[in-house]
Structure formats: C-alpha cells, structure tokens
Amino acid sequence: MSAHTPPTTQHPERSTKDLAKVAASGWLGTAMEFMDFQLYSLAAALVFNRLFFPDASPAVGLIASMGVYGVGYVARLAGAVYFGRMGDRLGRKKVLYITIALMGGSTTLIGILPTYAMIGIWAPILLVVLRLAQGFGAGAELAGATVMLVEYAPVRRRGLIGSLVCLGTNSGTLAASGIWVLLVATLSEEQLLSWGWRLPFLFSFVLLIVAVWVRRSIKESPVFEGRDDVVDGVALTKEQALADAKANGESTIEAALHQKKGRAFLIAVGLRFGQAGNSGLIQTFLIGYLATTLLVDRSVGTTAILYGSLLGFVTIPVVGLLGDRFGRRPIYMALTTLTILFAIPMFMMLNSGDTGLITLAMVLGLNIGVLGLFSLEGVTMAELFGARTRFTQLALAKEIGGILTTAIGPVLAASLTVATGHWWPLAAMIIGYSIVTLTATMLSPETRGRDLVKLEDAI
C-alpha cells in the first residue's frame, strides 16, 4: 500500500443546518426504536397471545409472546457487533440509514402479518423472524445516533445535544403507550383483535418515510472524516494503518493501535448498570409489583410513569447542560449517590398505600435514577472511546449492560419478592446497581472536552 499524506486532525466544517438535520435524524431514529419495542411489548401483553398462540393456555400464550419479545434482545447484541464494526470502518451515516430501514420495515410488516387462524404455525414463525430483524437493526441505532450527535456537537454543548437521543427514547415510549391507550379506550375487543392491533405497527411506516428522508440528506460525521486512519471515506485495516504509520512516522496512530483495550469498555458497562438496572425495576417490574403484591390499582403505576416521563423532558436537557458546565464525573456521582440514598425511602413511600406518595416516589426515582443518568450516559461513553472503535464499543457496552440488568433484573426481582415477601431486596438491587455505576465513575477519567478525533481510548 502506498503511503498517503495524513489529513489534518481538525474537524471538517459543518453548518448549523447540518447539525439540525443530524439532531432531527437522531431524535426520529431513537423515537422509532423505542416506539417499536414498546408497541410490541404492549401488543404481546394484550393481544398477541390470542392472535399468534391461540392453541396454548392463556398463561402459556403470554409466555410465548413475551418470549418472542425476548429474542429481540439477542438480535440487538448481534446487530451491535455487525453494524458497530461497519460504522467504525465505513462511516456512521451508512449504518444509520440501514438500521432505520430495518427497524421501520420490520415493524410495518408486523402490521400486515397473517394470524395463526389464517396460516397456522407460520404466523408465529414469521413474527419471530420480524422480531429478529427489528432487534438486529435496533442493536446499533441508539449507539449510532449517539455517536453521530456527539461527534457533530460543539465541544461546549456535547452533553446538551447528546441528550436529544434520550428525548427521542422518551418520545417513542410515550407515543406507543398513548396509541395503545387510545385503541383500548375506543375499540371493542372484537375490533381490537380483528384489525385494530395492526394500526400502531402500520403507523410506524409514516415515521420510517420521514426518518429515511431526513437521513438521506445528512453529511458524514466530521470526526470520522477527520480521522488519521480514514482514506477516501474508508478506515484502514489495522495492518494497513500500521504500515502507513511507519511509512509516515505517525507515532500517534501506532500508539492507538497498540493500546491495550478493555479498561474503557469495562467502565462503560459499569456506567450502564445504574441506568439500565434501575430502568428495568422502576419502569417494568414496579408496575406489576404495585398491582399484584401491593394490590394498588393498575392505573397508579402507569400514570406515575407517564408523569415521570413528561418531567423527563425537563430533566434530560438540564442534566445535559450540567454535565457541560461541571463535567460528567461530578454529575454522575451526584445522581448515583442520590439514587442510593433515596432507594429505601422510595420503597417506604411505595408501601405506604398513599396514591400521592406512590406517584411521587416513582416520578423521583425515574428522573434521578434512570432518565438523569441516561442523559449523561451516551456522551460520556462516546468520549471514553477512541474514534477508531467508538461505534462498536459503545454499542456493545450498551447492549451487554442492558442484557445483564434490564433483561435479567425484573426476573430476579420477582424471584426475590416471592422468596422473601419483603421489599428490601428490591431496594438492595437499586443500591447495588447504583454502587456499580458510582464505582465506575470514580475509576473513570473526566471526559468533558476530550478531542474525539483521537484514535485511542481515554483510559
């Protein structure tokens, strides 16, 4: 391979209009991702057991439909590896275009699936295939949108602009919940089972068209284009980069390629633990816990999450701004410490029987221990990793951390509740998750203002 003249490490210029397009793209993509998954989770709980698993008992049918939901998480991990590597080698824009098409297309096709009554066993098989495709695309969507936004953002506003991804997830969850609430309230059970359940999935096609149109016009990440190991829009392989570095005397590239990996990744997984673990308990498990164990009306928990999510539209950008002003580490430490201190009082409030206290506990827990941390998570992880493997490492850290906590946590919480008959193991889980994140924060360097074109990790 012939030596090339290394490009400058300055970022190629991008206009405010370019940044606005990328911000809209990131918001739309993450909103669609979380709307798609929430649409399916609610459909699985409400109708899919009868539409796709009618020969099973109600309990077995529900387990089967939830099992199909679970395969999406397996596919997410595979998608994180595949598209993460593609994003680091071929650029962020191409991956984001593919992932949005995969997610939106799969979700739309669920809306036209024939049911078990129409084609028999092929109906649940096709549902599994579409869930796998949906999860495969989603595995890199959140990471890709985060990387793109953070790499575009002005250095002094990375936290604020990066938090737009979190606002997208909040918007998607709220939209999906609102659509299903409207359908259940306005349609009869017969209408819902015959055609009404298809409407939310078909509606996602509208978002898909808008998102694809926006993403077609965005420019590649200026950080990717500014990397020393990118030639003609493609990153060199490790062997090519080493040969090129020796030919040009580029010790910085050699240092990045020889850096021992692992420390930044482990810290990132630790940072993910608190947010993802607390989310699995507060946004998923506690809804059922309030209704089945504490015998509180089901609407109390869902209404509390709705209020908490609405407040999140303020919490998320405020935390992003605080991270820009004071640094990632002190805000991370403050939020995790508050979560640890609030865990026991929160469960005392939940067990008080007072609807107002229950709502307040869940709203505060959601905003401090979940949404606040989520606002910081993406930008901090992006700054931790070097430009050469940022996409791959960020995607894997998010998905592995999510599987270890969000996927496993609610099951563990339910088992501990049955075994002990008390709430203290649940408080202990939140404290434990938060301690992991607090420890990771203490071991992490301050990343605010780091040059994202650097190929090596921050630690």
Protein backbone atom coordinates (compact mmCIF):
# COMPACT_ATOMS: atom_id res chain seq x y z
CA MET A 1 0.00 0.00 0.00
CA SER A 2 1.38 3.41 -0.88
CA ALA A 3 1.83 5.98 1.81
CA HIS A 4 -0.60 8.85 1.89
CA THR A 5 -0.44 12.33 3.27
CA PRO A 6 -2.32 12.21 6.56
CA PRO A 7 -5.30 14.52 6.82
CA THR A 8 -5.45 17.27 9.37
CA THR A 9 -6.96 16.38 12.74
CA GLN A 10 -9.25 19.39 12.54
CA HIS A 11 -12.90 18.51 12.05
CA PRO A 12 -14.33 19.23 8.59
CA GLU A 13 -16.67 22.18 8.87
CA ARG A 14 -20.38 21.61 9.43
CA SER A 15 -23.08 24.27 9.46
CA THR A 16 -25.84 24.80 11.98
CA LYS A 17 -28.22 23.42 9.35
CA ASP A 18 -26.14 20.21 9.17
CA LEU A 19 -26.29 19.87 12.95
CA ALA A 20 -30.07 20.43 12.93
CA LYS A 21 -30.54 17.64 10.38
CA VAL A 22 -28.42 15.23 12.41
CA ALA A 23 -30.31 16.18 15.59
CA ALA A 24 -33.65 15.53 13.87
CA SER A 25 -32.30 12.26 12.48
CA GLY A 26 -31.12 11.07 15.90
CA TRP A 27 -34.37 12.06 17.59
CA LEU A 28 -36.50 10.32 14.94
CA GLY A 29 -34.41 7.16 14.94
CA THR A 30 -34.34 6.63 18.70
CA ALA A 31 -38.02 7.58 18.97
CA MET A 32 -38.83 4.92 16.37
CA GLU A 33 -36.63 2.34 18.11
CA PHE A 34 -38.29 2.74 21.48
CA MET A 35 -41.75 3.14 19.98
CA ASP A 36 -41.29 -0.12 18.04
CA PHE A 37 -40.21 -2.06 21.10
CA GLN A 38 -42.92 -0.56 23.29
CA LEU A 39 -45.56 -1.25 20.63
CA TYR A 40 -44.60 -4.89 20.61
CA SER A 41 -44.32 -5.27 24.40
CA LEU A 42 -47.84 -3.87 24.87
CA ALA A 43 -49.22 -5.95 22.00
CA ALA A 44 -47.59 -9.04 23.49
CA ALA A 45 -49.30 -8.38 26.82
CA LEU A 46 -52.69 -7.50 25.32
CA VAL A 47 -53.42 -9.45 22.12
CA PHE A 48 -50.55 -11.44 20.60
CA ASN A 49 -51.09 -14.49 22.79
CA ARG A 50 -54.57 -14.89 21.28
CA LEU A 51 -53.60 -13.95 17.72
CA PHE A 52 -50.43 -15.99 17.30
CA PHE A 53 -50.59 -18.66 20.04
CA PRO A 54 -54.32 -19.46 20.33
CA ASP A 55 -53.87 -23.21 20.95
CA ALA A 56 -51.93 -22.57 24.16
CA SER A 57 -53.44 -21.76 27.53
CA PRO A 58 -53.64 -18.02 28.30
CA ALA A 59 -50.60 -18.22 30.59
CA VAL A 60 -48.50 -20.23 28.13
CA GLY A 61 -49.60 -17.97 25.27
CA LEU A 62 -48.47 -14.90 27.20
CA ILE A 63 -45.13 -16.52 27.98
CA ALA A 64 -44.70 -17.43 24.30
CA SER A 65 -45.48 -13.91 23.08
CA MET A 66 -43.09 -12.45 25.66
CA GLY A 67 -40.50 -14.99 24.55
CA VAL A 68 -40.74 -13.63 21.03
CA TYR A 69 -40.21 -10.18 22.56
CA GLY A 70 -37.08 -11.51 24.26
CA VAL A 71 -35.46 -12.72 21.03
CA GLY A 72 -35.20 -9.08 20.04
CA TYR A 73 -32.59 -8.58 22.75
CA VAL A 74 -30.48 -11.44 21.40
CA ALA A 75 -30.65 -9.91 17.93
CA ARG A 76 -29.70 -6.50 19.34
CA LEU A 77 -26.37 -7.88 20.55
CA ALA A 78 -25.62 -9.35 17.12
CA GLY A 79 -26.60 -6.07 15.49
CA ALA A 80 -24.30 -4.13 17.83
CA VAL A 81 -21.32 -6.22 16.70
CA TYR A 82 -22.12 -6.25 12.99
CA PHE A 83 -23.18 -2.64 12.49
CA GLY A 84 -20.73 -1.30 15.07
CA ARG A 85 -17.81 -2.62 13.04
CA MET A 86 -19.39 -1.32 9.84
CA GLY A 87 -19.84 2.12 11.39
CA ASP A 88 -16.21 2.28 12.51
CA ARG A 89 -14.93 1.13 9.12
CA LEU A 90 -17.31 2.64 6.55
CA GLY A 91 -18.78 5.59 8.42
CA ARG A 92 -21.72 6.42 10.66
CA LYS A 93 -24.16 7.68 8.01
CA LYS A 94 -24.39 4.42 6.05
CA VAL A 95 -25.15 2.39 9.17
CA LEU A 96 -27.84 4.78 10.38
CA TYR A 97 -29.55 4.56 7.00
CA ILE A 98 -29.60 0.75 7.12
CA THR A 99 -30.69 0.44 10.77
CA ILE A 100 -33.66 2.77 10.40
CA ALA A 101 -34.82 0.87 7.30
CA LEU A 102 -34.50 -2.48 9.10
CA MET A 103 -36.38 -1.33 12.19
CA GLY A 104 -39.13 0.55 10.41
CA GLY A 105 -39.62 -2.05 7.71
CA SER A 106 -39.85 -4.93 10.20
CA THR A 107 -42.31 -3.09 12.40
CA THR A 108 -44.53 -2.18 9.45
CA LEU A 109 -44.54 -5.79 8.22
CA ILE A 110 -45.74 -6.98 11.65
CA GLY A 111 -48.83 -4.88 10.97
CA ILE A 112 -49.70 -6.93 7.88
CA LEU A 113 -48.81 -10.37 9.25
CA PRO A 114 -51.46 -13.05 8.84
CA THR A 115 -52.53 -14.54 12.17
CA TYR A 116 -52.46 -18.15 13.36
CA ALA A 117 -56.08 -18.54 12.26
CA MET A 118 -55.02 -17.67 8.70
CA ILE A 119 -51.79 -19.62 8.13
CA GLY A 120 -51.25 -21.70 11.24
CA ILE A 121 -47.74 -22.24 12.65
CA TRP A 122 -46.19 -19.98 10.01
CA ALA A 123 -47.70 -16.95 11.76
CA PRO A 124 -45.57 -17.15 14.95
CA ILE A 125 -42.54 -18.21 12.88
CA LEU A 126 -42.82 -15.07 10.73
CA LEU A 127 -43.34 -12.99 13.87
CA VAL A 128 -40.05 -14.31 15.27
CA VAL A 129 -38.25 -13.53 12.01
CA LEU A 130 -39.50 -9.94 12.01
CA ARG A 131 -38.59 -9.50 15.68
CA LEU A 132 -35.07 -10.73 14.93
CA ALA A 133 -34.75 -8.27 12.04
CA GLN A 134 -36.14 -5.45 14.17
CA GLY A 135 -33.74 -6.17 17.02
CA PHE A 136 -30.79 -6.59 14.65
CA GLY A 137 -31.26 -3.04 13.41
CA ALA A 138 -32.06 -1.61 16.84
CA GLY A 139 -28.81 -3.01 18.28
CA ALA A 140 -26.84 -0.24 16.61
CA GLU A 141 -29.47 2.51 16.26
CA LEU A 142 -29.13 4.06 19.72
CA ALA A 143 -25.33 3.82 19.67
CA GLY A 144 -25.11 5.16 16.12
CA ALA A 145 -27.40 8.10 16.79
CA THR A 146 -25.44 8.90 19.97
CA VAL A 147 -22.06 8.75 18.22
CA MET A 148 -23.28 10.88 15.31
CA LEU A 149 -24.79 13.57 17.53
CA VAL A 150 -21.85 13.77 19.92
CA GLU A 151 -19.31 13.86 17.09
CA TYR A 152 -21.26 16.67 15.40
CA ALA A 153 -21.84 18.73 18.55
CA PRO A 154 -19.78 21.79 19.52
CA VAL A 155 -17.44 20.74 22.32
CA ARG A 156 -19.09 23.03 24.89
CA ARG A 157 -22.58 21.67 24.16
CA ARG A 158 -21.96 17.95 23.70
CA GLY A 159 -23.91 16.99 26.81
CA LEU A 160 -26.97 19.03 25.83
CA ILE A 161 -27.01 17.94 22.18
CA GLY A 162 -26.23 14.32 23.07
CA SER A 163 -29.22 14.32 25.41
CA LEU A 164 -31.52 14.70 22.38
CA VAL A 165 -31.13 10.94 21.91
CA CYS A 166 -32.67 10.43 25.35
CA LEU A 167 -35.52 12.77 24.47
CA GLY A 168 -36.15 10.59 21.43
CA THR A 169 -36.42 7.44 23.54
CA ASN A 170 -38.81 9.23 25.88
CA SER A 171 -40.92 10.43 22.95
CA GLY A 172 -41.12 6.95 21.42
CA THR A 173 -42.19 5.27 24.65
CA LEU A 174 -44.85 7.89 25.30
CA ALA A 175 -46.16 7.72 21.72
CA ALA A 176 -46.51 3.94 21.77
CA SER A 177 -48.23 3.96 25.16
CA GLY A 178 -50.58 6.72 24.04
CA ILE A 179 -51.55 4.90 20.85
CA TRP A 180 -52.42 1.71 22.72
CA VAL A 181 -54.34 3.58 25.42
CA LEU A 182 -56.40 5.25 22.68
CA LEU A 183 -57.09 1.95 20.90
CA VAL A 184 -58.13 0.13 24.06
CA ALA A 185 -60.39 3.01 25.06
CA THR A 186 -62.15 3.42 21.71
CA LEU A 187 -62.36 -0.06 20.16
CA SER A 188 -64.30 -3.11 21.25
CA GLU A 189 -62.35 -6.28 21.99
CA GLU A 190 -63.56 -7.79 18.71
CA GLN A 191 -62.41 -4.74 16.72
CA LEU A 192 -59.06 -4.70 18.52
CA LEU A 193 -58.41 -8.38 17.75
CA SER A 194 -59.63 -8.28 14.17
CA TRP A 195 -57.93 -5.14 12.81
CA GLY A 196 -57.25 -2.54 15.50
CA TRP A 197 -53.99 -4.12 16.68
CA ARG A 198 -52.48 -3.59 13.23
CA LEU A 199 -52.85 0.20 13.25
CA PRO A 200 -49.91 1.08 15.56
CA PHE A 201 -47.50 -1.03 13.50
CA LEU A 202 -48.72 0.38 10.21
CA PHE A 203 -48.44 3.91 11.60
CA SER A 204 -44.70 3.42 12.07
CA PHE A 205 -44.38 3.43 8.26
CA VAL A 206 -45.07 7.16 8.31
CA LEU A 207 -42.19 7.72 10.74
CA LEU A 208 -40.00 5.46 8.60
CA ILE A 209 -40.55 7.57 5.47
CA VAL A 210 -39.79 10.80 7.34
CA ALA A 211 -36.69 9.35 9.03
CA VAL A 212 -35.28 7.91 5.77
CA TRP A 213 -35.89 11.23 4.00
CA VAL A 214 -34.04 13.13 6.74
CA ARG A 215 -31.13 10.68 6.85
CA ARG A 216 -30.60 10.77 3.09
CA SER A 217 -29.59 14.42 3.34
CA ILE A 218 -27.26 14.34 6.36
CA LYS A 219 -23.49 14.53 5.97
CA GLU A 220 -21.00 12.08 7.40
CA SER A 221 -19.64 12.65 10.90
CA PRO A 222 -16.87 15.29 10.81
CA VAL A 223 -14.94 13.23 13.36
CA PHE A 224 -14.97 10.15 11.12
CA GLU A 225 -13.80 12.19 8.14
CA GLY A 226 -11.10 13.81 10.26
CA ARG A 227 -9.54 10.57 11.48
CA ASP A 228 -5.90 9.91 10.55
CA ASP A 229 -6.71 6.33 9.54
CA VAL A 230 -9.53 7.19 7.10
CA VAL A 231 -8.59 7.33 3.42
CA ASP A 232 -11.17 8.09 0.71
CA GLY A 233 -14.02 7.62 3.20
CA VAL A 234 -12.94 4.16 4.42
CA ALA A 235 -10.92 3.35 7.54
CA LEU A 236 -7.71 1.42 7.00
CA THR A 237 -7.42 -2.05 8.46
CA LYS A 238 -5.07 -2.44 11.43
CA GLU A 239 -2.33 -3.87 9.20
CA GLN A 240 -2.73 -1.09 6.64
CA ALA A 241 -2.76 1.58 9.31
CA LEU A 242 0.43 0.24 10.95
CA ALA A 243 2.24 0.09 7.62
CA ASP A 244 1.05 3.58 6.75
CA ALA A 245 2.04 4.93 10.16
CA LYS A 246 5.57 3.54 9.84
CA ALA A 247 5.91 4.99 6.34
CA ASN A 248 4.81 8.43 7.52
CA GLY A 249 6.28 8.40 11.02
CA GLU A 250 2.86 8.73 12.66
CA SER A 251 3.52 7.55 16.20
CA THR A 252 0.01 8.61 17.33
CA ILE A 253 -1.61 6.02 15.07
CA GLU A 254 0.81 3.34 16.23
CA ALA A 255 0.11 4.21 19.86
CA ALA A 256 -3.64 3.96 19.33
CA LEU A 257 -3.39 0.62 17.54
CA HIS A 258 -1.16 -0.84 20.22
CA GLN A 259 -3.21 0.48 23.16
CA LYS A 260 -4.42 -2.32 25.40
CA LYS A 261 -8.22 -2.41 25.15
CA GLY A 262 -10.66 -3.24 27.88
CA ARG A 263 -10.49 -0.65 30.67
CA ALA A 264 -12.66 1.95 28.97
CA PHE A 265 -15.13 -0.75 27.91
CA LEU A 266 -15.50 -2.16 31.44
CA ILE A 267 -16.02 1.36 32.81
CA ALA A 268 -18.70 1.99 30.16
CA VAL A 269 -20.55 -1.23 31.08
CA GLY A 270 -20.38 -0.12 34.73
CA LEU A 271 -21.80 3.28 33.85
CA ARG A 272 -24.64 1.50 32.04
CA PHE A 273 -25.52 -0.67 35.06
CA GLY A 274 -27.21 2.01 37.15
CA GLN A 275 -29.42 3.45 34.43
CA ALA A 276 -30.39 0.16 32.79
CA GLY A 277 -30.83 -1.75 36.06
CA ASN A 278 -32.94 0.95 37.66
CA SER A 279 -35.00 1.25 34.47
CA GLY A 280 -35.81 -2.46 34.49
CA LEU A 281 -37.06 -2.22 38.06
CA ILE A 282 -38.83 1.14 38.05
CA GLN A 283 -40.30 1.17 34.52
CA THR A 284 -41.05 -2.55 34.21
CA PHE A 285 -41.14 -4.53 37.45
CA LEU A 286 -42.74 -1.99 39.79
CA ILE A 287 -45.83 -1.67 37.56
CA GLY A 288 -46.71 -5.30 38.25
CA TYR A 289 -45.43 -5.19 41.83
CA LEU A 290 -47.81 -2.38 42.76
CA ALA A 291 -50.80 -4.16 41.25
CA THR A 292 -50.17 -7.78 42.28
CA THR A 293 -48.20 -7.51 45.53
CA LEU A 294 -49.37 -4.20 46.99
CA LEU A 295 -52.86 -4.51 45.41
CA VAL A 296 -52.80 -0.92 44.16
CA ASP A 297 -54.96 -0.04 41.16
CA ARG A 298 -53.08 -0.75 37.92
CA SER A 299 -53.58 2.81 36.69
CA VAL A 300 -51.47 4.23 39.55
CA GLY A 301 -48.18 2.78 38.32
CA THR A 302 -48.74 3.53 34.64
CA THR A 303 -49.89 7.06 35.42
CA ALA A 304 -46.82 7.64 37.59
CA ILE A 305 -44.53 6.52 34.75
CA LEU A 306 -46.42 8.84 32.39
CA TYR A 307 -45.91 11.81 34.74
CA GLY A 308 -42.28 10.87 35.27
CA SER A 309 -41.66 10.64 31.54
CA LEU A 310 -43.23 14.05 30.97
CA LEU A 311 -40.99 15.55 33.66
CA GLY A 312 -38.11 13.84 31.89
CA PHE A 313 -38.42 16.32 29.03
CA VAL A 314 -37.06 18.86 31.51
CA THR A 315 -34.71 16.61 33.47
CA ILE A 316 -32.83 15.25 30.45
CA PRO A 317 -31.64 18.55 28.88
CA VAL A 318 -30.97 20.11 32.31
CA VAL A 319 -28.68 17.22 33.26
CA GLY A 320 -27.00 17.51 29.85
CA LEU A 321 -26.32 21.19 30.49
CA LEU A 322 -24.99 20.47 33.99
CA GLY A 323 -22.62 17.89 32.53
CA ASP A 324 -21.35 20.51 30.08
CA ARG A 325 -20.92 23.05 32.86
CA PHE A 326 -19.42 20.98 35.67
CA GLY A 327 -18.16 17.83 33.96
CA ARG A 328 -19.51 14.29 33.58
CA ARG A 329 -17.99 12.75 36.73
CA PRO A 330 -19.42 15.10 39.40
CA ILE A 331 -22.95 14.95 37.96
CA TYR A 332 -22.75 11.16 37.60
CA MET A 333 -21.57 10.88 41.21
CA ALA A 334 -24.30 13.20 42.45
CA LEU A 335 -27.10 11.32 40.68
CA THR A 336 -25.91 7.86 41.72
CA THR A 337 -25.42 8.99 45.33
CA LEU A 338 -28.93 10.48 45.40
CA THR A 339 -30.32 7.23 43.97
CA ILE A 340 -28.58 5.19 46.69
CA LEU A 341 -29.87 7.49 49.44
CA PHE A 342 -33.40 7.54 48.01
CA ALA A 343 -33.78 3.77 47.44
CA ILE A 344 -35.08 2.86 50.92
CA PRO A 345 -37.31 5.96 51.33
CA MET A 346 -38.71 5.27 47.85
CA PHE A 347 -39.89 1.79 48.80
CA MET A 348 -41.28 3.04 52.09
CA MET A 349 -43.34 5.54 50.09
CA LEU A 350 -44.42 2.81 47.64
CA ASN A 351 -45.60 0.61 50.51
CA SER A 352 -47.43 3.44 52.29
CA GLY A 353 -50.68 2.82 50.41
CA ASP A 354 -50.99 6.54 49.71
CA THR A 355 -51.52 7.13 45.97
CA GLY A 356 -49.84 10.54 46.07
CA LEU A 357 -46.72 9.21 47.80
CA ILE A 358 -46.53 6.24 45.42
CA THR A 359 -46.72 8.54 42.40
CA LEU A 360 -44.11 10.92 43.84
CA ALA A 361 -41.74 8.04 44.65
CA MET A 362 -41.88 6.66 41.11
CA VAL A 363 -41.58 10.07 39.45
CA LEU A 364 -38.49 10.94 41.51
CA GLY A 365 -36.94 7.51 41.13
CA LEU A 366 -37.43 7.56 37.37
CA ASN A 367 -35.94 11.02 36.89
CA ILE A 368 -33.00 10.69 39.27
CA GLY A 369 -32.00 7.06 38.84
CA VAL A 370 -32.98 6.46 35.19
CA LEU A 371 -33.53 9.49 32.96
CA GLY A 372 -30.91 11.69 34.61
CA LEU A 373 -28.24 9.01 34.21
CA PHE A 374 -29.43 8.26 30.67
CA SER A 375 -28.85 11.89 29.72
CA LEU A 376 -25.16 11.58 30.72
CA GLU A 377 -24.58 8.02 29.58
CA GLY A 378 -24.29 8.43 25.82
CA VAL A 379 -21.96 11.42 25.74
CA THR A 380 -19.72 10.01 28.48
CA MET A 381 -19.34 6.66 26.72
CA ALA A 382 -18.66 8.35 23.38
CA GLU A 383 -15.92 10.46 24.97
CA LEU A 384 -14.42 7.43 26.72
CA PHE A 385 -13.75 5.59 23.46
CA GLY A 386 -11.29 6.39 20.71
CA ALA A 387 -12.56 7.26 17.24
CA ARG A 388 -11.30 4.03 15.68
CA THR A 389 -13.61 1.71 17.67
CA ARG A 390 -16.09 4.14 19.25
CA PHE A 391 -19.20 2.86 17.48
CA THR A 392 -18.51 -0.84 18.17
CA GLN A 393 -17.51 -0.41 21.80
CA LEU A 394 -20.37 1.94 22.63
CA ALA A 395 -22.96 -0.34 21.02
CA LEU A 396 -21.63 -3.44 22.80
CA ALA A 397 -21.38 -1.70 26.18
CA LYS A 398 -24.98 -0.56 25.94
CA GLU A 399 -26.33 -3.95 24.84
CA ILE A 400 -24.30 -6.10 27.25
CA GLY A 401 -25.10 -3.78 30.14
CA GLY A 402 -28.77 -3.87 29.16
CA ILE A 403 -28.91 -7.67 28.97
CA LEU A 404 -27.22 -8.06 32.37
CA THR A 405 -29.63 -5.66 34.05
CA THR A 406 -32.80 -4.73 32.16
CA ALA A 407 -33.38 -8.26 30.82
CA ILE A 408 -32.39 -10.19 33.96
CA GLY A 409 -33.26 -7.68 36.69
CA PRO A 410 -37.08 -7.92 36.66
CA VAL A 411 -36.93 -11.73 36.78
CA LEU A 412 -34.51 -11.62 39.71
CA ALA A 413 -36.66 -9.01 41.45
CA ALA A 414 -39.77 -11.17 41.09
CA SER A 415 -37.94 -14.20 42.48
CA LEU A 416 -36.62 -12.29 45.47
CA THR A 417 -40.04 -10.84 46.21
CA VAL A 418 -41.61 -14.31 46.25
CA ALA A 419 -38.77 -15.75 48.34
CA THR A 420 -38.68 -13.03 51.00
CA GLY A 421 -42.14 -11.46 50.90
CA HIS A 422 -40.48 -8.09 51.56
CA TRP A 423 -39.40 -5.01 49.65
CA TRP A 424 -35.86 -4.71 50.99
CA PRO A 425 -34.26 -6.95 48.28
CA LEU A 426 -35.67 -4.58 45.66
CA ALA A 427 -34.14 -1.58 47.39
CA ALA A 428 -30.89 -3.53 47.69
CA MET A 429 -30.89 -4.18 43.93
CA ILE A 430 -31.24 -0.47 43.14
CA ILE A 431 -28.50 0.34 45.64
CA GLY A 432 -26.29 -2.38 44.14
CA TYR A 433 -26.77 -1.22 40.56
CA SER A 434 -26.03 2.36 41.60
CA ILE A 435 -22.90 1.37 43.55
CA VAL A 436 -21.54 -0.33 40.40
CA THR A 437 -22.08 2.89 38.44
CA LEU A 438 -20.63 5.04 41.24
CA THR A 439 -17.51 2.84 41.33
CA ALA A 440 -17.16 3.02 37.54
CA THR A 441 -17.47 6.80 37.72
CA MET A 442 -14.73 7.04 40.33
CA LEU A 443 -12.42 4.90 38.16
CA SER A 444 -13.22 6.91 35.03
CA PRO A 445 -11.27 9.97 33.89
CA GLU A 446 -13.15 13.22 33.30
CA THR A 447 -14.01 13.15 29.60
CA ARG A 448 -15.66 16.54 29.08
CA GLY A 449 -13.98 18.42 26.23
CA ARG A 450 -11.93 15.46 25.00
CA ASP A 451 -10.77 15.57 21.36
CA LEU A 452 -12.99 12.97 19.70
CA VAL A 453 -10.73 12.59 16.67
CA LYS A 454 -8.13 10.83 18.84
CA LEU A 455 -7.96 7.16 17.90
CA GLU A 456 -7.10 5.86 21.37
CA ASP A 457 -9.46 5.38 24.32
CA ALA A 458 -9.42 7.90 27.17
CA ILE A 459 -8.00 5.29 29.57
